[in-house]
Amino acid sequence: MQYIGYILTAGALLPAIGQIRHSLRRTSVVGVSGATTWAWVCSWSVWVLYGFLVSDAAVVLHNIVGLVPAAVMLWVFLRLATIRGWAPITLCYMLGAAAMLFNRTAGVWIIVASDMFFYLPSVVAVFKSREPVGVSYSANVAQVVLTGTWFAYLCATGRAVAGIGWFVGFCCAIVVTYKIMVYRHRMVSVLRIDSPAVPADRALVPAG
């Protein structure tokens, strides 16, 4: 079963790399929540600790692989915008990490609750933005696949509680992907309406 976890770990890079490339190319983070980006870094860090506590190398490696691009995305975000509310986010995850050392189940519930609470701003940010140009469509599609498969992996390995956070991420990724699809469809419709029609007789005349 751990081999499946290693395979899924390779996919952890896809969503973050896609979003980083998209943000740098457009120099925009419209639709991206700074609070959630910071929460991602904190969350990946604590889940690395969880992987060590349960002695699951696949979980440790997966979260380390996820932490690196998340930290890069945080750096990209800080270049283009500022983050508000980082202090309570840090405090919540530090509390979860401390609790996990003494009572693993209690710590996991705190981390899962923090993930659920702090992932929501990203969804809200997308819905507040009429034009979420700063959010990568391909990265969110990859996120849908990744979160869904990791939720299934954790359930299959008897860690359904830890998988709740991934299920919330899965639902959020679906909602964000749908929002981007609606925006892209609207833009295509606008371009078709605004583009001048080419007369049929001119279209048939060869150039030169």
C-alpha atoms as a PDB file:
ATOM      1  CA  MET A   1       0.000   0.000   0.000  1.00  0.00           C
ATOM      2  CA  GLN A   2       2.907   2.366   0.699  1.00  0.00           C
ATOM      3  CA  TYR A   3       4.006   2.065  -2.923  1.00  0.00           C
ATOM      4  CA  ILE A   4       0.706   3.671  -3.904  1.00  0.00           C
ATOM      5  CA  GLY A   5       1.530   6.470  -1.468  1.00  0.00           C
ATOM      6  CA  TYR A   6       4.909   6.975  -3.153  1.00  0.00           C
ATOM      7  CA  ILE A   7       3.238   7.209  -6.555  1.00  0.00           C
ATOM      8  CA  LEU A   8       0.762   9.779  -5.242  1.00  0.00           C
ATOM      9  CA  THR A   9       3.650  11.717  -3.703  1.00  0.00           C
ATOM     10  CA  ALA A  10       5.058  12.405  -7.166  1.00  0.00           C
ATOM     11  CA  GLY A  11       1.723  13.988  -8.069  1.00  0.00           C
ATOM     12  CA  ALA A  12       1.924  16.386  -5.115  1.00  0.00           C
ATOM     13  CA  LEU A  13       4.199  18.653  -7.146  1.00  0.00           C
ATOM     14  CA  LEU A  14       1.777  19.147 -10.036  1.00  0.00           C
ATOM     15  CA  PRO A  15      -0.824  21.499  -8.494  1.00  0.00           C
ATOM     16  CA  ALA A  16       1.717  23.751  -6.770  1.00  0.00           C
ATOM     17  CA  ILE A  17       4.067  23.967  -9.762  1.00  0.00           C
ATOM     18  CA  GLY A  18       1.131  24.757 -12.047  1.00  0.00           C
ATOM     19  CA  GLN A  19      -0.068  27.559  -9.763  1.00  0.00           C
ATOM     20  CA  ILE A  20       3.445  28.979  -9.270  1.00  0.00           C
ATOM     21  CA  ARG A  21       4.043  29.088 -13.026  1.00  0.00           C
ATOM     22  CA  HIS A  22       0.626  30.641 -13.615  1.00  0.00           C
ATOM     23  CA  SER A  23       1.125  33.359 -10.969  1.00  0.00           C
ATOM     24  CA  LEU A  24       4.626  34.281 -12.160  1.00  0.00           C
ATOM     25  CA  ARG A  25       3.588  34.400 -15.815  1.00  0.00           C
ATOM     26  CA  ARG A  26       0.606  36.658 -15.137  1.00  0.00           C
ATOM     27  CA  THR A  27       2.212  38.490 -12.176  1.00  0.00           C
ATOM     28  CA  SER A  28      -1.167  38.182 -10.483  1.00  0.00           C
ATOM     29  CA  VAL A  29      -2.531  36.400  -7.426  1.00  0.00           C
ATOM     30  CA  VAL A  30      -6.131  37.533  -7.938  1.00  0.00           C
ATOM     31  CA  GLY A  31      -8.327  34.764  -6.569  1.00  0.00           C
ATOM     32  CA  VAL A  32      -5.508  33.283  -4.457  1.00  0.00           C
ATOM     33  CA  SER A  33      -5.878  33.604  -0.680  1.00  0.00           C
ATOM     34  CA  GLY A  34      -2.739  34.646   1.172  1.00  0.00           C
ATOM     35  CA  ALA A  35      -4.129  33.239   4.423  1.00  0.00           C
ATOM     36  CA  THR A  36      -4.674  29.855   2.818  1.00  0.00           C
ATOM     37  CA  THR A  37      -1.216  29.910   1.226  1.00  0.00           C
ATOM     38  CA  TRP A  38       0.307  30.484   4.673  1.00  0.00           C
ATOM     39  CA  ALA A  39      -1.947  27.779   6.116  1.00  0.00           C
ATOM     40  CA  TRP A  40      -0.702  25.344   3.467  1.00  0.00           C
ATOM     41  CA  VAL A  41       2.887  25.838   4.603  1.00  0.00           C
ATOM     42  CA  CYS A  42       1.924  25.361   8.264  1.00  0.00           C
ATOM     43  CA  SER A  43      -0.263  22.360   7.463  1.00  0.00           C
ATOM     44  CA  TRP A  44       2.334  20.533   5.344  1.00  0.00           C
ATOM     45  CA  SER A  45       4.880  21.069   8.149  1.00  0.00           C
ATOM     46  CA  VAL A  46       2.657  19.575  10.851  1.00  0.00           C
ATOM     47  CA  TRP A  47       1.629  16.637   8.659  1.00  0.00           C
ATOM     48  CA  VAL A  48       5.335  15.817   8.243  1.00  0.00           C
ATOM     49  CA  LEU A  49       5.405  15.433  12.035  1.00  0.00           C
ATOM     50  CA  TYR A  50       2.311  13.220  11.836  1.00  0.00           C
ATOM     51  CA  GLY A  51       4.019  10.978   9.292  1.00  0.00           C
ATOM     52  CA  PHE A  52       6.951  10.463  11.666  1.00  0.00           C
ATOM     53  CA  LEU A  53       4.612   9.688  14.575  1.00  0.00           C
ATOM     54  CA  VAL A  54       2.736   7.004  12.616  1.00  0.00           C
ATOM     55  CA  SER A  55       5.982   5.708  11.058  1.00  0.00           C
ATOM     56  CA  ASP A  56       4.641   6.010   7.506  1.00  0.00           C
ATOM     57  CA  ALA A  57       7.472   6.941   5.137  1.00  0.00           C
ATOM     58  CA  ALA A  58       5.035   7.638   2.297  1.00  0.00           C
ATOM     59  CA  VAL A  59       3.171  10.226   4.388  1.00  0.00           C
ATOM     60  CA  VAL A  60       6.445  11.861   5.487  1.00  0.00           C
ATOM     61  CA  LEU A  61       7.827  12.051   1.956  1.00  0.00           C
ATOM     62  CA  HIS A  62       4.533  13.238   0.507  1.00  0.00           C
ATOM     63  CA  ASN A  63       4.254  16.150   2.924  1.00  0.00           C
ATOM     64  CA  ILE A  64       7.899  17.137   2.501  1.00  0.00           C
ATOM     65  CA  VAL A  65       7.406  17.148  -1.268  1.00  0.00           C
ATOM     66  CA  GLY A  66       4.265  19.239  -0.807  1.00  0.00           C
ATOM     67  CA  LEU A  67       5.936  21.627   1.649  1.00  0.00           C
ATOM     68  CA  VAL A  68       8.680  22.743  -0.735  1.00  0.00           C
ATOM     69  CA  PRO A  69       6.458  24.077  -3.558  1.00  0.00           C
ATOM     70  CA  ALA A  70       4.022  25.474  -0.982  1.00  0.00           C
ATOM     71  CA  ALA A  71       6.884  27.516   0.489  1.00  0.00           C
ATOM     72  CA  VAL A  72       7.828  28.688  -3.016  1.00  0.00           C
ATOM     73  CA  MET A  73       4.210  29.705  -3.672  1.00  0.00           C
ATOM     74  CA  LEU A  74       4.246  31.639  -0.399  1.00  0.00           C
ATOM     75  CA  TRP A  75       7.363  33.468  -1.596  1.00  0.00           C
ATOM     76  CA  VAL A  76       5.641  34.265  -4.917  1.00  0.00           C
ATOM     77  CA  PHE A  77       2.572  35.554  -3.102  1.00  0.00           C
ATOM     78  CA  LEU A  78       4.651  37.796  -0.819  1.00  0.00           C
ATOM     79  CA  ARG A  79       6.327  39.293  -3.897  1.00  0.00           C
ATOM     80  CA  LEU A  80       2.944  40.319  -5.326  1.00  0.00           C
ATOM     81  CA  ALA A  81       0.802  40.949  -2.232  1.00  0.00           C
ATOM     82  CA  THR A  82       0.700  40.873   1.567  1.00  0.00           C
ATOM     83  CA  ILE A  83      -0.735  38.287   3.958  1.00  0.00           C
ATOM     84  CA  ARG A  84      -3.169  39.205   6.690  1.00  0.00           C
ATOM     85  CA  GLY A  85      -4.050  37.085   9.681  1.00  0.00           C
ATOM     86  CA  TRP A  86      -0.948  34.900   9.645  1.00  0.00           C
ATOM     87  CA  ALA A  87      -0.523  34.992  13.453  1.00  0.00           C
ATOM     88  CA  PRO A  88      -3.736  33.104  14.450  1.00  0.00           C
ATOM     89  CA  ILE A  89      -3.089  30.583  11.674  1.00  0.00           C
ATOM     90  CA  THR A  90       0.389  29.874  13.027  1.00  0.00           C
ATOM     91  CA  LEU A  91      -0.946  29.609  16.572  1.00  0.00           C
ATOM     92  CA  CYS A  92      -3.609  27.062  15.601  1.00  0.00           C
ATOM     93  CA  TYR A  93      -1.147  24.785  13.838  1.00  0.00           C
ATOM     94  CA  MET A  94       1.411  25.080  16.641  1.00  0.00           C
ATOM     95  CA  LEU A  95      -1.326  24.075  19.085  1.00  0.00           C
ATOM     96  CA  GLY A  96      -2.178  21.088  16.906  1.00  0.00           C
ATOM     97  CA  ALA A  97       1.473  20.036  16.675  1.00  0.00           C
ATOM     98  CA  ALA A  98       1.905  20.272  20.449  1.00  0.00           C
ATOM     99  CA  ALA A  99      -1.289  18.306  21.083  1.00  0.00           C
ATOM    100  CA  MET A 100      -0.211  15.649  18.589  1.00  0.00           C
ATOM    101  CA  LEU A 101       2.916  14.936  20.628  1.00  0.00           C
ATOM    102  CA  PHE A 102       0.858  14.084  23.724  1.00  0.00           C
ATOM    103  CA  ASN A 103      -2.363  12.750  22.191  1.00  0.00           C
ATOM    104  CA  ARG A 104      -2.159  11.866  18.524  1.00  0.00           C
ATOM    105  CA  THR A 105      -5.914  11.680  17.963  1.00  0.00           C
ATOM    106  CA  ALA A 106      -6.590  15.047  19.598  1.00  0.00           C
ATOM    107  CA  GLY A 107      -3.766  16.641  17.631  1.00  0.00           C
ATOM    108  CA  VAL A 108      -5.059  15.232  14.352  1.00  0.00           C
ATOM    109  CA  TRP A 109      -8.526  16.615  15.019  1.00  0.00           C
ATOM    110  CA  ILE A 110      -7.077  20.070  15.725  1.00  0.00           C
ATOM    111  CA  ILE A 111      -5.053  19.991  12.500  1.00  0.00           C
ATOM    112  CA  VAL A 112      -8.004  18.718  10.471  1.00  0.00           C
ATOM    113  CA  ALA A 113     -10.242  21.438  11.931  1.00  0.00           C
ATOM    114  CA  SER A 114      -7.580  24.046  11.137  1.00  0.00           C
ATOM    115  CA  ASP A 115      -7.274  22.774   7.560  1.00  0.00           C
ATOM    116  CA  MET A 116     -11.037  22.936   7.104  1.00  0.00           C
ATOM    117  CA  PHE A 117     -11.235  26.460   8.536  1.00  0.00           C
ATOM    118  CA  PHE A 118      -8.251  27.979   6.770  1.00  0.00           C
ATOM    119  CA  TYR A 119      -8.778  26.355   3.369  1.00  0.00           C
ATOM    120  CA  LEU A 120     -12.134  28.053   3.035  1.00  0.00           C
ATOM    121  CA  PRO A 121     -10.683  31.560   2.398  1.00  0.00           C
ATOM    122  CA  SER A 122      -9.237  30.305  -0.889  1.00  0.00           C
ATOM    123  CA  VAL A 123     -12.703  29.271  -2.058  1.00  0.00           C
ATOM    124  CA  VAL A 124     -14.215  32.532  -0.821  1.00  0.00           C
ATOM    125  CA  ALA A 125     -11.472  34.524  -2.585  1.00  0.00           C
ATOM    126  CA  VAL A 126     -12.256  32.846  -5.894  1.00  0.00           C
ATOM    127  CA  PHE A 127     -15.974  33.496  -5.557  1.00  0.00           C
ATOM    128  CA  LYS A 128     -15.387  37.131  -4.611  1.00  0.00           C
ATOM    129  CA  SER A 129     -13.271  37.588  -7.719  1.00  0.00           C
ATOM    130  CA  ARG A 130     -15.328  38.043 -10.868  1.00  0.00           C
ATOM    131  CA  GLU A 131     -12.239  37.327 -12.937  1.00  0.00           C
ATOM    132  CA  PRO A 132     -10.026  34.763 -11.118  1.00  0.00           C
ATOM    133  CA  VAL A 133      -7.142  35.218 -13.547  1.00  0.00           C
ATOM    134  CA  GLY A 134      -4.615  34.466 -10.807  1.00  0.00           C
ATOM    135  CA  VAL A 135      -5.879  30.910 -10.293  1.00  0.00           C
ATOM    136  CA  SER A 136      -4.544  28.118 -12.487  1.00  0.00           C
ATOM    137  CA  TYR A 137      -7.175  25.827 -14.021  1.00  0.00           C
ATOM    138  CA  SER A 138      -4.768  22.951 -14.688  1.00  0.00           C
ATOM    139  CA  ALA A 139      -3.364  23.200 -11.147  1.00  0.00           C
ATOM    140  CA  ASN A 140      -6.843  22.886  -9.668  1.00  0.00           C
ATOM    141  CA  VAL A 141      -7.711  19.911 -11.860  1.00  0.00           C
ATOM    142  CA  ALA A 142      -4.532  18.235 -10.596  1.00  0.00           C
ATOM    143  CA  GLN A 143      -5.543  19.203  -7.059  1.00  0.00           C
ATOM    144  CA  VAL A 144      -8.912  17.468  -7.499  1.00  0.00           C
ATOM    145  CA  VAL A 145      -7.187  14.240  -8.537  1.00  0.00           C
ATOM    146  CA  LEU A 146      -4.490  14.465  -5.836  1.00  0.00           C
ATOM    147  CA  THR A 147      -6.763  15.231  -2.877  1.00  0.00           C
ATOM    148  CA  GLY A 148      -9.299  12.619  -3.921  1.00  0.00           C
ATOM    149  CA  THR A 149      -6.719   9.863  -4.259  1.00  0.00           C
ATOM    150  CA  TRP A 150      -4.955  10.756  -0.993  1.00  0.00           C
ATOM    151  CA  PHE A 151      -8.262  10.713   0.846  1.00  0.00           C
ATOM    152  CA  ALA A 152      -8.851   7.194  -0.508  1.00  0.00           C
ATOM    153  CA  TYR A 153      -5.281   6.163   0.464  1.00  0.00           C
ATOM    154  CA  LEU A 154      -5.626   7.356   4.058  1.00  0.00           C
ATOM    155  CA  CYS A 155      -9.007   5.665   4.422  1.00  0.00           C
ATOM    156  CA  ALA A 156      -7.582   2.428   3.008  1.00  0.00           C
ATOM    157  CA  THR A 157      -4.706   2.539   5.520  1.00  0.00           C
ATOM    158  CA  GLY A 158      -7.055   3.058   8.469  1.00  0.00           C
ATOM    159  CA  ARG A 159      -6.487   6.808   8.932  1.00  0.00           C
ATOM    160  CA  ALA A 160      -9.902   8.116   8.003  1.00  0.00           C
ATOM    161  CA  VAL A 161      -9.711  10.990  10.527  1.00  0.00           C
ATOM    162  CA  ALA A 162      -6.548  12.322   8.891  1.00  0.00           C
ATOM    163  CA  GLY A 163      -8.256  11.900   5.539  1.00  0.00           C
ATOM    164  CA  ILE A 164     -11.036  14.325   6.431  1.00  0.00           C
ATOM    165  CA  GLY A 165      -8.747  17.253   5.696  1.00  0.00           C
ATOM    166  CA  TRP A 166      -8.010  15.844   2.255  1.00  0.00           C
ATOM    167  CA  PHE A 167     -11.719  15.355   1.624  1.00  0.00           C
ATOM    168  CA  VAL A 168     -12.351  19.015   2.444  1.00  0.00           C
ATOM    169  CA  GLY A 169      -9.518  19.972   0.100  1.00  0.00           C
ATOM    170  CA  PHE A 170     -11.052  17.730  -2.557  1.00  0.00           C
ATOM    171  CA  CYS A 171     -14.425  19.491  -2.252  1.00  0.00           C
ATOM    172  CA  CYS A 172     -12.787  22.934  -2.314  1.00  0.00           C
ATOM    173  CA  ALA A 173     -10.752  22.048  -5.406  1.00  0.00           C
ATOM    174  CA  ILE A 174     -13.918  20.925  -7.211  1.00  0.00           C
ATOM    175  CA  VAL A 175     -15.704  24.183  -6.359  1.00  0.00           C
ATOM    176  CA  VAL A 176     -12.752  26.343  -7.459  1.00  0.00           C
ATOM    177  CA  THR A 177     -12.331  24.370 -10.690  1.00  0.00           C
ATOM    178  CA  TYR A 178     -16.024  24.833 -11.471  1.00  0.00           C
ATOM    179  CA  LYS A 179     -15.743  28.599 -10.848  1.00  0.00           C
ATOM    180  CA  ILE A 180     -12.776  28.866 -13.218  1.00  0.00           C
ATOM    181  CA  MET A 181     -14.618  26.826 -15.859  1.00  0.00           C
ATOM    182  CA  VAL A 182     -17.591  29.210 -15.644  1.00  0.00           C
ATOM    183  CA  TYR A 183     -15.260  32.211 -15.980  1.00  0.00           C
ATOM    184  CA  ARG A 184     -13.441  30.717 -18.965  1.00  0.00           C
ATOM    185  CA  HIS A 185     -16.729  29.863 -20.664  1.00  0.00           C
ATOM    186  CA  ARG A 186     -17.973  33.419 -20.124  1.00  0.00           C
ATOM    187  CA  MET A 187     -14.782  34.884 -21.579  1.00  0.00           C
ATOM    188  CA  VAL A 188     -15.014  32.656 -24.659  1.00  0.00           C
ATOM    189  CA  SER A 189     -18.621  33.770 -25.159  1.00  0.00           C
ATOM    190  CA  VAL A 190     -17.624  37.437 -24.851  1.00  0.00           C
ATOM    191  CA  LEU A 191     -14.792  37.017 -27.351  1.00  0.00           C
ATOM    192  CA  ARG A 192     -17.139  35.399 -29.844  1.00  0.00           C
ATOM    193  CA  ILE A 193     -19.657  38.225 -29.505  1.00  0.00           C
ATOM    194  CA  ASP A 194     -17.054  41.006 -29.708  1.00  0.00           C
ATOM    195  CA  SER A 195     -15.014  39.535 -32.571  1.00  0.00           C
ATOM    196  CA  PRO A 196     -15.934  41.114 -35.956  1.00  0.00           C
ATOM    197  CA  ALA A 197     -17.516  38.778 -38.444  1.00  0.00           C
ATOM    198  CA  VAL A 198     -15.583  38.202 -41.681  1.00  0.00           C
ATOM    199  CA  PRO A 199     -17.746  38.632 -44.808  1.00  0.00           C
ATOM    200  CA  ALA A 200     -18.077  35.400 -46.762  1.00  0.00           C
ATOM    201  CA  ASP A 201     -17.026  36.964 -50.102  1.00  0.00           C
ATOM    202  CA  ARG A 202     -13.862  38.409 -48.554  1.00  0.00           C
ATOM    203  CA  ALA A 203     -13.044  35.198 -46.785  1.00  0.00           C
ATOM    204  CA  LEU A 204     -13.052  33.319 -50.104  1.00  0.00           C
ATOM    205  CA  VAL A 205     -10.742  35.765 -51.921  1.00  0.00           C
ATOM    206  CA  PRO A 206      -7.150  34.420 -51.906  1.00  0.00           C
ATOM    207  CA  ALA A 207      -4.480  36.738 -50.576  1.00  0.00           C
ATOM    208  CA  GLY A 208      -2.314  38.506 -53.145  1.00  0.00           C
END
